[in-house]
Amino acid sequence: MRTFLESRHHQVLEASDGSQAFVLAEQEVPHIIIMDIVMPGLYGSAASKKLQEYWRTSHIPIIILSGASHEPVRRLIETNPNIRFLKKPVDLGALDEAIHALLPQGGILP
């Protein structure tokens, strides 16, 4: 996925768990976050909720990935138009479409 994103000229930062993802997002304030639902420490659904509730990161769109049903993130998706769900294995075309839908200006935010 890193290779695909970098081939699309995205800078990629990586976190090894949900807690680290929150800290990294707070420090770097990325244009978009792509995270797995199952991560060590803080699950992706909990990390997403935490990111959406924190003033510094609440505006950042999130794409959540999972091999299972999206039931754990259904409430997040229903209440926030900046969150998308993609089932794994991830179709790279669908990922690209989700990124463009969430970042219509290609990552340049007003």
N, C-alpha and C. Protein backbone atom coordinates (compact mmCIF):
# COMPACT_ATOMS: atom_id res chain seq x y z
N MET A 1 0.82 -1.18 0.00
CA MET A 1 0.00 0.00 0.00
C MET A 1 0.88 1.26 0.00
N ARG A 2 1.98 1.20 0.75
CA ARG A 2 2.91 2.34 0.77
C ARG A 2 3.40 2.66 -0.64
N THR A 3 3.80 1.63 -1.37
CA THR A 3 4.31 1.82 -2.72
C THR A 3 3.23 2.45 -3.61
N PHE A 4 2.01 1.96 -3.49
CA PHE A 4 0.91 2.52 -4.27
C PHE A 4 0.69 4.00 -3.94
N LEU A 5 0.63 4.32 -2.65
CA LEU A 5 0.38 5.70 -2.23
C LEU A 5 1.52 6.62 -2.66
N GLU A 6 2.75 6.15 -2.49
CA GLU A 6 3.89 6.98 -2.91
C GLU A 6 3.92 7.16 -4.43
N SER A 7 3.47 6.15 -5.17
CA SER A 7 3.42 6.30 -6.63
C SER A 7 2.39 7.36 -7.04
N ARG A 8 1.46 7.66 -6.15
CA ARG A 8 0.45 8.71 -6.37
C ARG A 8 0.90 10.04 -5.74
N HIS A 9 2.16 10.10 -5.35
CA HIS A 9 2.80 11.31 -4.79
C HIS A 9 2.29 11.70 -3.41
N HIS A 10 1.85 10.70 -2.63
CA HIS A 10 1.47 10.95 -1.24
C HIS A 10 2.67 10.66 -0.35
N GLN A 11 2.88 11.49 0.64
CA GLN A 11 3.90 11.21 1.64
C GLN A 11 3.25 10.29 2.67
N VAL A 12 3.92 9.21 3.04
CA VAL A 12 3.35 8.21 3.93
C VAL A 12 4.08 8.21 5.26
N LEU A 13 3.31 8.32 6.34
CA LEU A 13 3.82 8.17 7.70
C LEU A 13 3.18 6.92 8.26
N GLU A 14 3.92 6.16 9.07
CA GLU A 14 3.38 4.91 9.59
C GLU A 14 3.40 4.88 11.11
N ALA A 15 2.36 4.29 11.68
CA ALA A 15 2.28 4.06 13.12
C ALA A 15 2.06 2.57 13.33
N SER A 16 2.61 2.04 14.40
CA SER A 16 2.51 0.60 14.62
C SER A 16 1.28 0.19 15.44
N ASP A 17 0.61 1.16 16.06
CA ASP A 17 -0.61 0.86 16.80
C ASP A 17 -1.49 2.10 16.88
N GLY A 18 -2.69 1.93 17.42
CA GLY A 18 -3.66 3.02 17.47
C GLY A 18 -3.21 4.20 18.32
N SER A 19 -2.55 3.92 19.42
CA SER A 19 -2.07 5.01 20.28
C SER A 19 -1.00 5.83 19.57
N GLN A 20 -0.08 5.15 18.92
CA GLN A 20 0.97 5.84 18.17
C GLN A 20 0.36 6.61 17.00
N ALA A 21 -0.68 6.07 16.40
CA ALA A 21 -1.36 6.76 15.29
C ALA A 21 -1.94 8.08 15.77
N PHE A 22 -2.54 8.07 16.96
CA PHE A 22 -3.11 9.31 17.50
C PHE A 22 -2.02 10.34 17.76
N VAL A 23 -0.92 9.93 18.38
CA VAL A 23 0.19 10.84 18.67
C VAL A 23 0.78 11.39 17.38
N LEU A 24 1.00 10.53 16.40
CA LEU A 24 1.56 10.95 15.12
C LEU A 24 0.62 11.93 14.41
N ALA A 25 -0.68 11.64 14.44
CA ALA A 25 -1.66 12.53 13.81
C ALA A 25 -1.69 13.89 14.51
N GLU A 26 -1.59 13.87 15.82
CA GLU A 26 -1.58 15.12 16.58
C GLU A 26 -0.35 15.97 16.25
N GLN A 27 0.79 15.31 16.09
CA GLN A 27 2.04 16.03 15.80
C GLN A 27 2.12 16.49 14.35
N GLU A 28 1.75 15.62 13.41
CA GLU A 28 1.95 15.90 11.99
C GLU A 28 0.73 16.49 11.28
N VAL A 29 -0.46 16.29 11.83
CA VAL A 29 -1.73 16.73 11.25
C VAL A 29 -1.77 16.41 9.74
N PRO A 30 -1.86 15.12 9.41
CA PRO A 30 -1.87 14.71 8.00
C PRO A 30 -3.16 15.11 7.30
N HIS A 31 -3.15 15.05 5.98
CA HIS A 31 -4.35 15.37 5.21
C HIS A 31 -5.39 14.26 5.29
N ILE A 32 -4.93 13.02 5.46
CA ILE A 32 -5.83 11.87 5.52
C ILE A 32 -5.16 10.78 6.35
N ILE A 33 -5.98 9.93 6.98
CA ILE A 33 -5.47 8.81 7.77
C ILE A 33 -6.08 7.53 7.21
N ILE A 34 -5.24 6.54 6.97
CA ILE A 34 -5.71 5.22 6.54
C ILE A 34 -5.27 4.26 7.64
N MET A 35 -6.24 3.57 8.26
CA MET A 35 -5.88 2.67 9.36
C MET A 35 -6.69 1.39 9.34
N ASP A 36 -6.07 0.36 9.84
CA ASP A 36 -6.73 -0.93 9.99
C ASP A 36 -7.60 -0.89 11.23
N ILE A 37 -8.67 -1.65 11.23
CA ILE A 37 -9.54 -1.70 12.40
C ILE A 37 -8.88 -2.48 13.54
N VAL A 38 -8.11 -3.53 13.20
CA VAL A 38 -7.47 -4.35 14.22
C VAL A 38 -6.01 -3.95 14.32
N MET A 39 -5.69 -3.29 15.44
CA MET A 39 -4.32 -2.85 15.70
C MET A 39 -4.01 -3.15 17.15
N PRO A 40 -2.73 -3.32 17.47
CA PRO A 40 -2.37 -3.50 18.87
C PRO A 40 -2.70 -2.24 19.67
N GLY A 41 -2.93 -2.42 20.95
CA GLY A 41 -3.18 -1.28 21.82
C GLY A 41 -4.58 -0.73 21.64
N LEU A 42 -4.71 0.30 20.85
CA LEU A 42 -5.98 0.98 20.62
C LEU A 42 -6.53 0.55 19.26
N TYR A 43 -7.68 -0.09 19.24
CA TYR A 43 -8.29 -0.53 17.99
C TYR A 43 -8.57 0.66 17.07
N GLY A 44 -8.63 0.39 15.78
CA GLY A 44 -8.87 1.44 14.81
C GLY A 44 -10.17 2.19 15.04
N SER A 45 -11.23 1.48 15.46
CA SER A 45 -12.50 2.16 15.71
C SER A 45 -12.37 3.12 16.88
N ALA A 46 -11.68 2.72 17.94
CA ALA A 46 -11.47 3.60 19.10
C ALA A 46 -10.52 4.74 18.75
N ALA A 47 -9.48 4.45 17.97
CA ALA A 47 -8.55 5.50 17.56
C ALA A 47 -9.26 6.52 16.67
N SER A 48 -10.12 6.04 15.77
CA SER A 48 -10.87 6.94 14.90
C SER A 48 -11.78 7.85 15.71
N LYS A 49 -12.46 7.28 16.68
CA LYS A 49 -13.35 8.07 17.54
C LYS A 49 -12.55 9.13 18.29
N LYS A 50 -11.42 8.73 18.82
CA LYS A 50 -10.56 9.66 19.56
C LYS A 50 -10.05 10.79 18.64
N LEU A 51 -9.65 10.43 17.43
CA LEU A 51 -9.18 11.43 16.46
C LEU A 51 -10.30 12.40 16.09
N GLN A 52 -11.52 11.89 15.93
CA GLN A 52 -12.65 12.74 15.55
C GLN A 52 -13.10 13.65 16.70
N GLU A 53 -12.83 13.26 17.92
CA GLU A 53 -13.25 14.06 19.08
C GLU A 53 -12.22 15.12 19.47
N TYR A 54 -10.98 14.98 19.04
CA TYR A 54 -9.92 15.90 19.42
C TYR A 54 -9.88 17.09 18.46
N TRP A 55 -9.86 18.29 18.98
CA TRP A 55 -9.97 19.50 18.14
C TRP A 55 -8.89 19.58 17.07
N ARG A 56 -7.69 19.14 17.37
CA ARG A 56 -6.58 19.29 16.43
C ARG A 56 -6.67 18.31 15.25
N THR A 57 -7.36 17.20 15.44
CA THR A 57 -7.42 16.17 14.40
C THR A 57 -8.84 15.88 13.90
N SER A 58 -9.82 16.58 14.43
CA SER A 58 -11.23 16.27 14.11
C SER A 58 -11.58 16.47 12.64
N HIS A 59 -10.85 17.30 11.94
CA HIS A 59 -11.13 17.58 10.53
C HIS A 59 -10.47 16.59 9.56
N ILE A 60 -9.61 15.72 10.06
CA ILE A 60 -8.84 14.83 9.19
C ILE A 60 -9.72 13.66 8.72
N PRO A 61 -9.88 13.48 7.41
CA PRO A 61 -10.64 12.33 6.90
C PRO A 61 -9.92 11.02 7.23
N ILE A 62 -10.71 9.97 7.44
CA ILE A 62 -10.16 8.66 7.82
C ILE A 62 -10.74 7.58 6.91
N ILE A 63 -9.87 6.70 6.44
CA ILE A 63 -10.28 5.50 5.73
C ILE A 63 -9.93 4.33 6.63
N ILE A 64 -10.94 3.55 7.01
CA ILE A 64 -10.74 2.42 7.90
C ILE A 64 -10.79 1.14 7.07
N LEU A 65 -9.80 0.26 7.30
CA LEU A 65 -9.68 -1.00 6.57
C LEU A 65 -9.96 -2.17 7.50
N SER A 66 -10.62 -3.20 6.98
CA SER A 66 -10.82 -4.40 7.78
C SER A 66 -11.18 -5.57 6.87
N GLY A 67 -10.78 -6.74 7.30
CA GLY A 67 -11.15 -7.96 6.60
C GLY A 67 -12.52 -8.45 7.05
N ALA A 68 -13.02 -7.89 8.13
CA ALA A 68 -14.32 -8.28 8.67
C ALA A 68 -15.37 -7.23 8.30
N SER A 69 -16.57 -7.48 8.73
CA SER A 69 -17.68 -6.54 8.50
C SER A 69 -17.35 -5.20 9.13
N HIS A 70 -17.98 -4.15 8.66
CA HIS A 70 -17.72 -2.82 9.19
C HIS A 70 -18.63 -2.47 10.36
N GLU A 71 -19.26 -3.45 11.00
CA GLU A 71 -20.16 -3.19 12.13
C GLU A 71 -19.53 -2.32 13.22
N PRO A 72 -18.28 -2.57 13.63
CA PRO A 72 -17.72 -1.75 14.71
C PRO A 72 -17.57 -0.27 14.36
N VAL A 73 -17.53 0.05 13.08
CA VAL A 73 -17.36 1.45 12.69
C VAL A 73 -18.62 2.04 12.06
N ARG A 74 -19.70 1.28 12.03
CA ARG A 74 -20.93 1.76 11.40
C ARG A 74 -21.39 3.10 11.98
N ARG A 75 -21.39 3.24 13.30
CA ARG A 75 -21.82 4.50 13.93
C ARG A 75 -20.92 5.65 13.54
N LEU A 76 -19.61 5.41 13.46
CA LEU A 76 -18.68 6.47 13.06
C LEU A 76 -18.96 6.91 11.62
N ILE A 77 -19.20 5.94 10.76
CA ILE A 77 -19.44 6.24 9.35
C ILE A 77 -20.76 6.99 9.18
N GLU A 78 -21.79 6.55 9.90
CA GLU A 78 -23.10 7.17 9.78
C GLU A 78 -23.12 8.61 10.29
N THR A 79 -22.29 8.91 11.28
CA THR A 79 -22.32 10.25 11.88
C THR A 79 -21.24 11.17 11.34
N ASN A 80 -20.35 10.67 10.51
CA ASN A 80 -19.27 11.52 10.02
C ASN A 80 -19.00 11.26 8.54
N PRO A 81 -19.26 12.23 7.69
CA PRO A 81 -19.03 12.04 6.25
C PRO A 81 -17.55 11.98 5.87
N ASN A 82 -16.66 12.25 6.82
CA ASN A 82 -15.22 12.20 6.56
C ASN A 82 -14.60 10.85 6.88
N ILE A 83 -15.43 9.84 7.09
CA ILE A 83 -14.92 8.49 7.37
C ILE A 83 -15.46 7.54 6.31
N ARG A 84 -14.56 6.71 5.78
CA ARG A 84 -14.94 5.69 4.80
C ARG A 84 -14.45 4.33 5.31
N PHE A 85 -15.07 3.29 4.83
CA PHE A 85 -14.68 1.92 5.16
C PHE A 85 -14.37 1.17 3.88
N LEU A 86 -13.24 0.46 3.88
CA LEU A 86 -12.88 -0.41 2.76
C LEU A 86 -12.57 -1.80 3.32
N LYS A 87 -13.14 -2.80 2.67
CA LYS A 87 -12.91 -4.18 3.08
C LYS A 87 -11.59 -4.68 2.51
N LYS A 88 -10.84 -5.44 3.33
CA LYS A 88 -9.59 -6.04 2.88
C LYS A 88 -9.90 -7.40 2.27
N PRO A 89 -9.13 -7.85 1.29
CA PRO A 89 -8.00 -7.14 0.71
C PRO A 89 -8.48 -5.90 -0.04
N VAL A 90 -7.74 -4.83 0.11
CA VAL A 90 -8.14 -3.54 -0.42
C VAL A 90 -7.93 -3.47 -1.93
N ASP A 91 -8.98 -3.08 -2.61
CA ASP A 91 -8.91 -2.81 -4.03
C ASP A 91 -8.26 -1.43 -4.17
N LEU A 92 -7.10 -1.36 -4.82
CA LEU A 92 -6.37 -0.09 -4.90
C LEU A 92 -7.13 0.98 -5.68
N GLY A 93 -7.94 0.57 -6.62
CA GLY A 93 -8.78 1.53 -7.33
C GLY A 93 -9.81 2.15 -6.40
N ALA A 94 -10.41 1.32 -5.54
CA ALA A 94 -11.38 1.81 -4.57
C ALA A 94 -10.70 2.72 -3.54
N LEU A 95 -9.48 2.38 -3.16
CA LEU A 95 -8.72 3.23 -2.24
C LEU A 95 -8.46 4.59 -2.88
N ASP A 96 -8.03 4.57 -4.12
CA ASP A 96 -7.76 5.82 -4.84
C ASP A 96 -9.04 6.67 -4.94
N GLU A 97 -10.17 6.03 -5.23
CA GLU A 97 -11.45 6.74 -5.31
C GLU A 97 -11.83 7.35 -3.96
N ALA A 98 -11.63 6.59 -2.89
CA ALA A 98 -11.97 7.10 -1.55
C ALA A 98 -11.09 8.30 -1.19
N ILE A 99 -9.81 8.22 -1.51
CA ILE A 99 -8.91 9.33 -1.24
C ILE A 99 -9.36 10.57 -2.01
N HIS A 100 -9.68 10.41 -3.28
CA HIS A 100 -10.12 11.56 -4.08
C HIS A 100 -11.46 12.11 -3.60
N ALA A 101 -12.34 11.24 -3.10
CA ALA A 101 -13.62 11.71 -2.58
C ALA A 101 -13.42 12.52 -1.30
N LEU A 102 -12.49 12.07 -0.47
CA LEU A 102 -12.24 12.76 0.81
C LEU A 102 -11.32 13.97 0.65
N LEU A 103 -10.47 13.94 -0.37
CA LEU A 103 -9.54 15.05 -0.63
C LEU A 103 -9.72 15.53 -2.07
N PRO A 104 -10.85 16.16 -2.36
CA PRO A 104 -11.11 16.55 -3.74
C PRO A 104 -10.06 17.48 -4.35
N GLN A 105 -9.31 18.17 -3.51
CA GLN A 105 -8.26 19.06 -4.02
C GLN A 105 -6.89 18.38 -3.98
N GLY A 106 -6.87 17.06 -3.86
CA GLY A 106 -5.63 16.30 -3.89
C GLY A 106 -4.77 16.44 -2.65
N GLY A 107 -5.38 16.79 -1.53
CA GLY A 107 -4.63 16.91 -0.29
C GLY A 107 -4.36 18.35 0.09
N ILE A 108 -4.68 19.28 -0.78
CA ILE A 108 -4.52 20.69 -0.45
C ILE A 108 -5.79 21.15 0.23
N LEU A 109 -5.70 21.44 1.50
CA LEU A 109 -6.88 21.83 2.26
C LEU A 109 -6.95 23.35 2.39
N PRO A 110 -8.18 23.89 2.37
CA PRO A 110 -8.32 25.35 2.50
C PRO A 110 -7.90 25.84 3.87
